[in-house]
């Protein structure tokens, strides 16, 4: 056996490892999975609303009219998509300035940060959920979908928590000592 001869399977392993790093570094995988989950969750809540339409099982949920439900969900959808745009445009400006001072590796570390990917996915998932909920209320005849409205409201409030987490995570990740530690770990 020669020393320079490649070990069988090494190239495949290297290719898989390269693909995994590229996938992990991409900014679309986790958000896509979370948006897909939001799509499924919206279909499930609408189905549960239809199933429990005539029962008293949802007496604790949203008791209002379909018009009020449409207004609430449309407001949440508009607020969340604006939140996505403003949050990520501000973070791009901050990352541009920080990468000019601390180096371009900061951008790669930001893209590979799962927390940022989860925040983007959750916010976009909330938006998709709200759009599907709005569509289901538009198709409803006379009765508001109580569970769907309540879940949309909870997702909207949780989005504020994700915003606070995102701001904290980004500001701490942009500190010079954190960048140096992350580069050393990498």
N, C-alpha and C. Protein backbone atom coordinates (compact mmCIF):
# COMPACT_ATOMS: atom_id res chain seq x y z
N UNK A 1 0.84 -1.18 0.00
CA UNK A 1 0.00 0.00 0.00
C UNK A 1 0.88 1.23 0.00
N UNK A 2 0.58 2.13 -0.93
CA UNK A 2 1.37 3.36 -1.02
C UNK A 2 0.82 4.41 -0.06
N UNK A 3 1.66 5.32 0.38
CA UNK A 3 1.24 6.34 1.33
C UNK A 3 0.32 7.38 0.71
N UNK A 4 0.49 7.65 -0.56
CA UNK A 4 -0.32 8.69 -1.19
C UNK A 4 -1.63 8.18 -1.76
N UNK A 5 -1.86 6.90 -1.67
CA UNK A 5 -3.08 6.30 -2.18
C UNK A 5 -4.27 6.71 -1.28
N UNK A 6 -5.36 7.22 -1.87
CA UNK A 6 -6.49 7.63 -1.05
C UNK A 6 -7.18 6.42 -0.41
N UNK A 7 -7.60 6.60 0.80
CA UNK A 7 -8.33 5.55 1.50
C UNK A 7 -9.75 5.54 0.93
N UNK A 8 -10.27 4.35 0.69
CA UNK A 8 -11.59 4.23 0.11
C UNK A 8 -12.64 4.84 1.03
N UNK A 9 -13.51 5.65 0.48
CA UNK A 9 -14.56 6.29 1.25
C UNK A 9 -14.18 7.66 1.76
N UNK A 10 -12.90 8.02 1.72
CA UNK A 10 -12.46 9.31 2.23
C UNK A 10 -13.02 10.44 1.38
N UNK A 11 -13.02 10.26 0.07
CA UNK A 11 -13.55 11.30 -0.80
C UNK A 11 -15.05 11.49 -0.60
N UNK A 12 -15.74 10.40 -0.41
CA UNK A 12 -17.18 10.49 -0.16
C UNK A 12 -17.44 11.20 1.17
N UNK A 13 -16.66 10.84 2.19
CA UNK A 13 -16.82 11.48 3.49
C UNK A 13 -16.49 12.97 3.40
N UNK A 14 -15.44 13.31 2.67
CA UNK A 14 -15.07 14.72 2.50
C UNK A 14 -16.16 15.48 1.75
N UNK A 15 -16.72 14.82 0.72
CA UNK A 15 -17.79 15.47 -0.02
C UNK A 15 -19.02 15.68 0.87
N UNK A 16 -19.38 14.66 1.66
CA UNK A 16 -20.52 14.80 2.57
C UNK A 16 -20.28 15.87 3.62
N UNK A 17 -19.07 15.91 4.13
CA UNK A 17 -18.74 16.93 5.13
C UNK A 17 -18.79 18.32 4.51
N UNK A 18 -18.33 18.46 3.28
CA UNK A 18 -18.39 19.74 2.58
C UNK A 18 -19.84 20.16 2.34
N UNK A 19 -20.67 19.22 1.92
CA UNK A 19 -22.09 19.51 1.70
C UNK A 19 -22.77 19.91 3.00
N UNK A 20 -22.45 19.21 4.11
CA UNK A 20 -23.05 19.53 5.40
C UNK A 20 -22.65 20.93 5.85
N UNK A 21 -21.38 21.29 5.67
CA UNK A 21 -20.93 22.64 6.03
C UNK A 21 -21.62 23.70 5.18
N UNK A 22 -21.78 23.41 3.90
CA UNK A 22 -22.47 24.35 3.03
C UNK A 22 -23.94 24.48 3.42
N UNK A 23 -24.56 23.37 3.75
CA UNK A 23 -25.97 23.40 4.16
C UNK A 23 -26.13 24.11 5.50
N UNK A 24 -25.22 23.84 6.42
CA UNK A 24 -25.26 24.49 7.72
C UNK A 24 -25.01 25.98 7.61
N UNK A 25 -24.16 26.36 6.67
CA UNK A 25 -23.85 27.77 6.48
C UNK A 25 -24.88 28.51 5.66
N UNK A 26 -25.77 27.78 5.01
CA UNK A 26 -26.79 28.46 4.22
C UNK A 26 -27.84 29.06 5.15
N UNK A 27 -28.49 30.04 4.62
CA UNK A 27 -29.46 30.77 5.44
C UNK A 27 -30.89 30.40 5.08
N UNK A 28 -31.08 29.26 4.43
CA UNK A 28 -32.42 28.92 3.98
C UNK A 28 -32.97 27.63 4.55
N UNK A 29 -32.14 26.70 5.00
CA UNK A 29 -32.63 25.39 5.39
C UNK A 29 -33.57 25.45 6.61
N UNK A 30 -33.08 25.96 7.72
CA UNK A 30 -33.89 26.01 8.94
C UNK A 30 -35.13 26.90 8.76
N UNK A 31 -34.99 28.11 8.16
CA UNK A 31 -36.22 28.89 7.92
C UNK A 31 -37.23 28.17 7.03
N UNK A 32 -36.75 27.43 6.03
CA UNK A 32 -37.67 26.70 5.17
C UNK A 32 -38.41 25.61 5.95
N UNK A 33 -37.68 24.91 6.81
CA UNK A 33 -38.32 23.88 7.63
C UNK A 33 -39.35 24.48 8.58
N UNK A 34 -39.04 25.63 9.17
CA UNK A 34 -39.98 26.27 10.09
C UNK A 34 -41.20 26.84 9.36
N UNK A 35 -41.00 27.36 8.16
CA UNK A 35 -42.14 27.84 7.38
C UNK A 35 -43.03 26.66 6.98
N UNK A 36 -42.43 25.55 6.61
CA UNK A 36 -43.21 24.35 6.30
C UNK A 36 -43.99 23.86 7.51
N UNK A 37 -43.35 23.92 8.69
CA UNK A 37 -44.04 23.54 9.93
C UNK A 37 -45.21 24.47 10.22
N UNK A 38 -45.02 25.75 9.96
CA UNK A 38 -46.11 26.71 10.17
C UNK A 38 -47.27 26.42 9.23
N UNK A 39 -46.95 26.03 8.01
CA UNK A 39 -48.00 25.67 7.04
C UNK A 39 -48.82 24.50 7.56
N UNK A 40 -48.13 23.47 8.04
CA UNK A 40 -48.82 22.29 8.57
C UNK A 40 -49.61 22.65 9.82
N UNK A 41 -49.02 23.46 10.70
CA UNK A 41 -49.72 23.86 11.94
C UNK A 41 -50.96 24.67 11.63
N UNK A 42 -50.90 25.52 10.64
CA UNK A 42 -52.08 26.31 10.26
C UNK A 42 -53.19 25.41 9.75
N UNK A 43 -52.83 24.42 8.94
CA UNK A 43 -53.84 23.49 8.43
C UNK A 43 -54.47 22.70 9.58
N UNK A 44 -53.64 22.31 10.55
CA UNK A 44 -54.14 21.54 11.70
C UNK A 44 -55.07 22.38 12.57
N UNK A 45 -54.71 23.63 12.85
CA UNK A 45 -55.57 24.46 13.70
C UNK A 45 -56.88 24.79 13.00
N UNK A 46 -56.83 25.01 11.71
CA UNK A 46 -58.08 25.26 10.97
C UNK A 46 -58.95 24.01 11.00
N UNK A 47 -58.34 22.84 10.84
CA UNK A 47 -59.11 21.59 10.89
C UNK A 47 -59.70 21.38 12.29
N UNK A 48 -58.94 21.69 13.33
CA UNK A 48 -59.47 21.57 14.70
C UNK A 48 -60.60 22.56 14.94
N UNK A 49 -60.47 23.76 14.39
CA UNK A 49 -61.57 24.73 14.51
C UNK A 49 -62.83 24.22 13.82
N UNK A 50 -62.66 23.63 12.66
CA UNK A 50 -63.82 23.08 11.95
C UNK A 50 -64.42 21.91 12.73
N UNK A 51 -63.58 21.08 13.32
CA UNK A 51 -64.04 19.92 14.08
C UNK A 51 -64.81 20.35 15.32
N UNK A 52 -64.31 21.38 16.01
CA UNK A 52 -64.94 21.83 17.25
C UNK A 52 -65.85 23.03 17.05
N UNK A 53 -66.31 23.27 15.85
CA UNK A 53 -67.09 24.46 15.54
C UNK A 53 -68.38 24.55 16.36
N UNK A 54 -69.03 23.45 16.59
CA UNK A 54 -70.32 23.48 17.27
C UNK A 54 -70.24 23.13 18.75
N UNK A 55 -69.06 22.80 19.23
CA UNK A 55 -68.94 22.40 20.64
C UNK A 55 -68.48 23.58 21.49
N UNK A 56 -68.47 23.35 22.78
CA UNK A 56 -68.02 24.36 23.73
C UNK A 56 -66.56 24.16 24.11
N UNK A 57 -65.83 23.37 23.36
CA UNK A 57 -64.44 23.04 23.71
C UNK A 57 -63.53 24.25 23.64
N UNK A 58 -63.87 25.22 22.82
CA UNK A 58 -63.01 26.39 22.66
C UNK A 58 -63.60 27.64 23.29
N UNK A 59 -64.29 27.47 24.40
CA UNK A 59 -64.91 28.64 25.04
C UNK A 59 -63.87 29.61 25.59
N UNK A 60 -62.65 29.15 25.81
CA UNK A 60 -61.57 29.99 26.34
C UNK A 60 -60.87 30.77 25.22
N UNK A 61 -61.04 30.36 23.97
CA UNK A 61 -60.34 30.98 22.86
C UNK A 61 -61.04 32.26 22.42
N UNK A 62 -60.62 32.82 21.34
CA UNK A 62 -61.15 34.09 20.82
C UNK A 62 -62.66 34.04 20.65
N UNK A 63 -63.39 34.93 21.35
CA UNK A 63 -64.85 34.88 21.28
C UNK A 63 -65.47 35.87 20.29
N UNK A 64 -64.65 36.60 19.56
CA UNK A 64 -65.18 37.69 18.73
C UNK A 64 -65.75 37.25 17.40
N UNK A 65 -66.00 38.26 16.59
CA UNK A 65 -66.62 38.05 15.28
C UNK A 65 -65.56 37.74 14.22
N UNK A 66 -65.98 37.25 13.07
CA UNK A 66 -65.02 37.01 11.99
C UNK A 66 -64.34 38.29 11.50
N UNK A 67 -65.06 39.40 11.51
CA UNK A 67 -64.46 40.67 11.08
C UNK A 67 -63.35 41.10 12.04
N UNK A 68 -63.59 40.93 13.33
CA UNK A 68 -62.56 41.24 14.33
C UNK A 68 -61.37 40.31 14.21
N UNK A 69 -61.64 39.04 13.93
CA UNK A 69 -60.56 38.08 13.75
C UNK A 69 -59.72 38.43 12.54
N UNK A 70 -60.36 38.83 11.45
CA UNK A 70 -59.62 39.24 10.25
C UNK A 70 -58.73 40.44 10.56
N UNK A 71 -59.26 41.39 11.31
CA UNK A 71 -58.47 42.59 11.64
C UNK A 71 -57.27 42.24 12.50
N UNK A 72 -57.48 41.38 13.50
CA UNK A 72 -56.37 40.98 14.38
C UNK A 72 -55.29 40.24 13.60
N UNK A 73 -55.69 39.29 12.80
CA UNK A 73 -54.71 38.48 12.07
C UNK A 73 -54.00 39.30 11.00
N UNK A 74 -54.72 40.18 10.32
CA UNK A 74 -54.08 41.03 9.31
C UNK A 74 -53.06 41.96 9.96
N UNK A 75 -53.38 42.47 11.14
CA UNK A 75 -52.44 43.33 11.86
C UNK A 75 -51.20 42.56 12.29
N UNK A 76 -51.39 41.34 12.78
CA UNK A 76 -50.25 40.52 13.20
C UNK A 76 -49.38 40.18 11.99
N UNK A 77 -49.99 39.82 10.87
CA UNK A 77 -49.22 39.48 9.67
C UNK A 77 -48.41 40.68 9.19
N UNK A 78 -49.02 41.85 9.15
CA UNK A 78 -48.32 43.05 8.69
C UNK A 78 -47.19 43.42 9.65
N UNK A 79 -47.46 43.30 10.94
CA UNK A 79 -46.43 43.65 11.92
C UNK A 79 -45.24 42.70 11.86
N UNK A 80 -45.51 41.41 11.70
CA UNK A 80 -44.42 40.43 11.69
C UNK A 80 -43.57 40.57 10.43
N UNK A 81 -44.18 40.80 9.27
CA UNK A 81 -43.37 40.93 8.06
C UNK A 81 -42.57 42.23 8.09
N UNK A 82 -43.12 43.28 8.68
CA UNK A 82 -42.34 44.51 8.87
C UNK A 82 -41.20 44.27 9.84
N UNK A 83 -41.47 43.49 10.88
CA UNK A 83 -40.44 43.14 11.86
C UNK A 83 -39.30 42.38 11.21
N UNK A 84 -39.61 41.46 10.32
CA UNK A 84 -38.58 40.71 9.60
C UNK A 84 -37.72 41.66 8.77
N UNK A 85 -38.35 42.52 8.03
CA UNK A 85 -37.61 43.45 7.16
C UNK A 85 -36.72 44.40 7.93
N UNK A 86 -37.25 45.01 8.94
CA UNK A 86 -36.47 45.98 9.72
C UNK A 86 -35.34 45.28 10.49
N UNK A 87 -35.63 44.16 11.10
CA UNK A 87 -34.63 43.45 11.90
C UNK A 87 -33.44 43.03 11.04
N UNK A 88 -33.71 42.45 9.91
CA UNK A 88 -32.60 41.95 9.11
C UNK A 88 -31.91 43.04 8.31
N UNK A 89 -32.59 44.12 7.98
CA UNK A 89 -31.88 45.22 7.33
C UNK A 89 -30.95 45.92 8.31
N UNK A 90 -31.39 46.07 9.55
CA UNK A 90 -30.52 46.66 10.57
C UNK A 90 -29.33 45.74 10.86
N UNK A 91 -29.57 44.45 10.91
CA UNK A 91 -28.47 43.52 11.20
C UNK A 91 -27.47 43.48 10.05
N UNK A 92 -27.92 43.64 8.81
CA UNK A 92 -26.99 43.67 7.68
C UNK A 92 -26.11 44.91 7.76
N UNK A 93 -26.69 46.04 8.12
CA UNK A 93 -25.89 47.26 8.28
C UNK A 93 -24.87 47.08 9.41
N UNK A 94 -25.31 46.54 10.52
CA UNK A 94 -24.39 46.32 11.65
C UNK A 94 -23.30 45.32 11.28
N UNK A 95 -23.65 44.27 10.57
CA UNK A 95 -22.64 43.29 10.16
C UNK A 95 -21.67 43.86 9.14
N UNK A 96 -22.13 44.71 8.27
CA UNK A 96 -21.25 45.34 7.30
C UNK A 96 -20.21 46.20 8.00
N UNK A 97 -20.68 46.98 8.95
CA UNK A 97 -19.75 47.84 9.69
C UNK A 97 -18.80 47.00 10.54
N UNK A 98 -19.31 45.98 11.20
CA UNK A 98 -18.47 45.16 12.06
C UNK A 98 -17.47 44.33 11.25
N UNK A 99 -17.88 43.83 10.09
CA UNK A 99 -16.95 43.03 9.29
C UNK A 99 -15.85 43.89 8.70
N UNK A 100 -16.13 45.17 8.46
CA UNK A 100 -15.08 46.06 7.99
C UNK A 100 -14.03 46.26 9.08
N UNK A 101 -14.44 46.24 10.33
CA UNK A 101 -13.50 46.44 11.43
C UNK A 101 -12.89 45.13 11.92
N UNK A 102 -13.66 44.06 11.94
CA UNK A 102 -13.20 42.81 12.55
C UNK A 102 -12.88 41.71 11.54
N UNK A 103 -13.21 41.90 10.30
CA UNK A 103 -12.87 40.92 9.29
C UNK A 103 -14.08 40.23 8.70
N UNK A 104 -13.92 39.66 7.50
CA UNK A 104 -15.05 39.05 6.80
C UNK A 104 -15.52 37.72 7.39
N UNK A 105 -14.74 37.11 8.27
CA UNK A 105 -15.19 35.85 8.89
C UNK A 105 -16.45 36.05 9.73
N UNK A 106 -16.65 37.28 10.16
CA UNK A 106 -17.83 37.58 10.97
C UNK A 106 -19.11 37.28 10.20
N UNK A 107 -19.13 37.57 8.91
CA UNK A 107 -20.33 37.30 8.11
C UNK A 107 -20.62 35.81 8.03
N UNK A 108 -19.58 35.01 7.84
CA UNK A 108 -19.77 33.55 7.77
C UNK A 108 -20.26 33.02 9.11
N UNK A 109 -19.71 33.55 10.20
CA UNK A 109 -20.15 33.09 11.53
C UNK A 109 -21.60 33.50 11.78
N UNK A 110 -21.98 34.68 11.30
CA UNK A 110 -23.36 35.13 11.47
C UNK A 110 -24.30 34.23 10.68
N UNK A 111 -23.93 33.89 9.46
CA UNK A 111 -24.78 33.03 8.64
C UNK A 111 -24.90 31.63 9.21
N UNK A 112 -23.84 31.13 9.84
CA UNK A 112 -23.86 29.79 10.40
C UNK A 112 -24.50 29.73 11.78
N UNK A 113 -24.80 30.87 12.36
CA UNK A 113 -25.40 30.90 13.70
C UNK A 113 -26.84 30.38 13.62
N UNK A 114 -27.08 29.25 14.25
CA UNK A 114 -28.41 28.63 14.20
C UNK A 114 -29.48 29.50 14.85
N UNK A 115 -29.10 30.24 15.87
CA UNK A 115 -30.09 31.09 16.55
C UNK A 115 -30.66 32.12 15.58
N UNK A 116 -29.83 32.71 14.76
CA UNK A 116 -30.32 33.69 13.78
C UNK A 116 -31.20 33.01 12.74
N UNK A 117 -30.85 31.80 12.35
CA UNK A 117 -31.67 31.06 11.39
C UNK A 117 -33.03 30.71 11.98
N UNK A 118 -33.04 30.32 13.25
CA UNK A 118 -34.30 29.97 13.91
C UNK A 118 -35.18 31.21 14.06
N UNK A 119 -34.59 32.35 14.40
CA UNK A 119 -35.37 33.58 14.52
C UNK A 119 -36.01 33.94 13.18
N UNK A 120 -35.21 33.90 12.12
CA UNK A 120 -35.77 34.20 10.79
C UNK A 120 -36.88 33.21 10.44
N UNK A 121 -36.65 31.93 10.69
CA UNK A 121 -37.66 30.92 10.39
C UNK A 121 -38.93 31.10 11.21
N UNK A 122 -38.77 31.44 12.49
CA UNK A 122 -39.95 31.62 13.33
C UNK A 122 -40.77 32.82 12.87
N UNK A 123 -40.08 33.92 12.58
CA UNK A 123 -40.81 35.12 12.14
C UNK A 123 -41.51 34.89 10.81
N UNK A 124 -40.81 34.26 9.87
CA UNK A 124 -41.44 33.97 8.58
C UNK A 124 -42.55 32.93 8.74
N UNK A 125 -42.35 31.96 9.62
CA UNK A 125 -43.39 30.97 9.89
C UNK A 125 -44.63 31.61 10.49
N UNK A 126 -44.45 32.57 11.38
CA UNK A 126 -45.58 33.29 11.95
C UNK A 126 -46.34 34.05 10.87
N UNK A 127 -45.59 34.65 9.96
CA UNK A 127 -46.23 35.37 8.85
C UNK A 127 -47.05 34.42 7.98
N UNK A 128 -46.47 33.28 7.64
CA UNK A 128 -47.19 32.30 6.80
C UNK A 128 -48.41 31.77 7.54
N UNK A 129 -48.25 31.48 8.83
CA UNK A 129 -49.39 31.01 9.63
C UNK A 129 -50.51 32.04 9.61
N UNK A 130 -50.15 33.31 9.79
CA UNK A 130 -51.16 34.38 9.81
C UNK A 130 -51.85 34.51 8.45
N UNK A 131 -51.10 34.38 7.37
CA UNK A 131 -51.73 34.46 6.05
C UNK A 131 -52.71 33.31 5.83
N UNK A 132 -52.31 32.11 6.22
CA UNK A 132 -53.21 30.96 6.06
C UNK A 132 -54.43 31.08 6.98
N UNK A 133 -54.21 31.62 8.18
CA UNK A 133 -55.34 31.83 9.09
C UNK A 133 -56.30 32.87 8.52
N UNK A 134 -55.75 33.91 7.92
CA UNK A 134 -56.58 34.94 7.31
C UNK A 134 -57.40 34.37 6.16
N UNK A 135 -56.78 33.51 5.40
CA UNK A 135 -57.50 32.86 4.29
C UNK A 135 -58.62 31.98 4.81
N UNK A 136 -58.37 31.27 5.91
CA UNK A 136 -59.40 30.38 6.44
C UNK A 136 -60.58 31.17 7.01
N UNK A 137 -60.31 32.32 7.57
CA UNK A 137 -61.40 33.15 8.10
C UNK A 137 -62.19 33.75 6.95
N UNK A 138 -61.51 34.10 5.86
CA UNK A 138 -62.22 34.63 4.70
C UNK A 138 -63.15 33.60 4.11
N UNK A 139 -62.78 32.32 4.22
CA UNK A 139 -63.63 31.26 3.69
C UNK A 139 -64.69 30.83 4.68
N UNK A 140 -64.52 31.19 5.96
CA UNK A 140 -65.48 30.77 6.98
C UNK A 140 -66.80 31.50 6.75
N UNK A 141 -67.86 30.84 7.10
CA UNK A 141 -69.17 31.45 6.92
C UNK A 141 -69.79 31.73 8.28
N UNK A 142 -69.70 32.97 8.69
CA UNK A 142 -70.41 33.39 9.89
C UNK A 142 -69.73 33.16 11.22
N UNK A 143 -68.79 32.25 11.32
CA UNK A 143 -68.19 31.97 12.63
C UNK A 143 -66.68 32.15 12.56
N UNK A 144 -66.16 32.84 13.55
CA UNK A 144 -64.71 33.04 13.61
C UNK A 144 -64.03 31.74 14.01
N UNK A 145 -62.83 31.56 13.53
CA UNK A 145 -62.06 30.38 13.90
C UNK A 145 -61.27 30.71 15.16
N UNK A 146 -61.82 30.32 16.29
CA UNK A 146 -61.31 30.74 17.60
C UNK A 146 -59.90 30.25 17.88
N UNK A 147 -59.64 28.98 17.68
CA UNK A 147 -58.32 28.43 17.98
C UNK A 147 -57.26 29.03 17.07
N UNK A 148 -57.56 29.17 15.81
CA UNK A 148 -56.61 29.74 14.86
C UNK A 148 -56.26 31.17 15.22
N UNK A 149 -57.24 31.95 15.60
CA UNK A 149 -56.99 33.34 16.00
C UNK A 149 -56.14 33.37 17.27
N UNK A 150 -56.44 32.53 18.22
CA UNK A 150 -55.68 32.49 19.47
C UNK A 150 -54.24 32.07 19.24
N UNK A 151 -54.03 31.06 18.40
CA UNK A 151 -52.66 30.61 18.11
C UNK A 151 -51.90 31.70 17.37
N UNK A 152 -52.55 32.38 16.44
CA UNK A 152 -51.90 33.48 15.72
C UNK A 152 -51.50 34.58 16.69
N UNK A 153 -52.35 34.88 17.64
CA UNK A 153 -52.04 35.90 18.64
C UNK A 153 -50.82 35.48 19.48
N UNK A 154 -50.80 34.23 19.90
CA UNK A 154 -49.67 33.73 20.70
C UNK A 154 -48.38 33.78 19.87
N UNK A 155 -48.45 33.39 18.60
CA UNK A 155 -47.27 33.47 17.74
C UNK A 155 -46.80 34.91 17.55
N UNK A 156 -47.73 35.83 17.45
CA UNK A 156 -47.37 37.25 17.33
C UNK A 156 -46.66 37.76 18.57
N UNK A 157 -47.14 37.39 19.73
CA UNK A 157 -46.49 37.79 20.98
C UNK A 157 -45.12 37.11 21.12
N UNK A 158 -45.06 35.84 20.74
CA UNK A 158 -43.77 35.13 20.80
C UNK A 158 -42.76 35.75 19.84
N UNK A 159 -43.22 36.32 18.75
CA UNK A 159 -42.32 36.98 17.81
C UNK A 159 -41.60 38.15 18.46
N UNK A 160 -42.28 38.83 19.37
CA UNK A 160 -41.61 39.92 20.11
C UNK A 160 -40.49 39.36 20.97
N UNK A 161 -40.72 38.23 21.60
CA UNK A 161 -39.67 37.58 22.37
C UNK A 161 -38.50 37.17 21.49
N UNK A 162 -38.79 36.66 20.31
CA UNK A 162 -37.73 36.30 19.38
C UNK A 162 -36.97 37.54 18.90
N UNK A 163 -37.65 38.66 18.76
CA UNK A 163 -36.97 39.91 18.40
C UNK A 163 -35.98 40.32 19.48
N UNK A 164 -36.40 40.26 20.72
CA UNK A 164 -35.51 40.61 21.83
C UNK A 164 -34.32 39.66 21.87
N UNK A 165 -34.57 38.36 21.70
CA UNK A 165 -33.49 37.39 21.67
C UNK A 165 -32.54 37.67 20.51
N UNK A 166 -33.07 38.01 19.34
CA UNK A 166 -32.25 38.28 18.17
C UNK A 166 -31.34 39.49 18.40
N UNK A 167 -31.90 40.53 18.98
CA UNK A 167 -31.10 41.73 19.26
C UNK A 167 -29.99 41.41 20.24
N UNK A 168 -30.32 40.67 21.29
CA UNK A 168 -29.30 40.29 22.28
C UNK A 168 -28.23 39.40 21.65
N UNK A 169 -28.64 38.42 20.87
CA UNK A 169 -27.70 37.49 20.25
C UNK A 169 -26.78 38.22 19.26
N UNK A 170 -27.34 39.11 18.47
CA UNK A 170 -26.55 39.83 17.48
C UNK A 170 -25.57 40.79 18.13
N UNK A 171 -26.04 41.53 19.13
CA UNK A 171 -25.13 42.48 19.77
C UNK A 171 -24.01 41.78 20.53
N UNK A 172 -24.30 40.65 21.13
CA UNK A 172 -23.22 39.93 21.82
C UNK A 172 -22.29 39.24 20.82
N UNK A 173 -22.82 38.80 19.66
CA UNK A 173 -21.97 38.16 18.65
C UNK A 173 -21.05 39.15 17.95
N UNK A 174 -21.40 40.43 17.96
CA UNK A 174 -20.59 41.45 17.29
C UNK A 174 -19.49 42.01 18.18
N UNK A 175 -19.44 41.62 19.42
CA UNK A 175 -18.39 42.10 20.31
C UNK A 175 -17.07 41.45 19.92
N UNK A 176 -15.99 42.24 20.01
CA UNK A 176 -14.69 41.78 19.53
C UNK A 176 -14.21 40.51 20.24
N UNK A 177 -14.40 40.42 21.54
CA UNK A 177 -13.93 39.22 22.24
C UNK A 177 -14.71 37.97 21.82
N UNK A 178 -15.99 38.11 21.53
CA UNK A 178 -16.79 36.99 21.04
C UNK A 178 -16.35 36.56 19.64
N UNK A 179 -16.03 37.54 18.80
CA UNK A 179 -15.57 37.22 17.45
C UNK A 179 -14.24 36.49 17.49
N UNK A 180 -13.32 36.95 18.33
CA UNK A 180 -12.01 36.30 18.45
C UNK A 180 -12.18 34.88 18.99
N UNK A 181 -13.04 34.70 19.98
CA UNK A 181 -13.26 33.37 20.53
C UNK A 181 -13.89 32.44 19.48
N UNK A 182 -14.81 32.96 18.71
CA UNK A 182 -15.46 32.14 17.69
C UNK A 182 -14.48 31.76 16.58
N UNK A 183 -13.60 32.69 16.20
CA UNK A 183 -12.60 32.39 15.19
C UNK A 183 -11.62 31.35 15.71
N UNK A 184 -11.21 31.47 16.97
CA UNK A 184 -10.31 30.49 17.55
C UNK A 184 -10.96 29.11 17.62
N UNK A 185 -12.25 29.07 17.94
CA UNK A 185 -12.98 27.80 18.00
C UNK A 185 -13.13 27.18 16.61
N UNK A 186 -13.34 28.04 15.62
CA UNK A 186 -13.51 27.58 14.25
C UNK A 186 -12.21 27.02 13.70
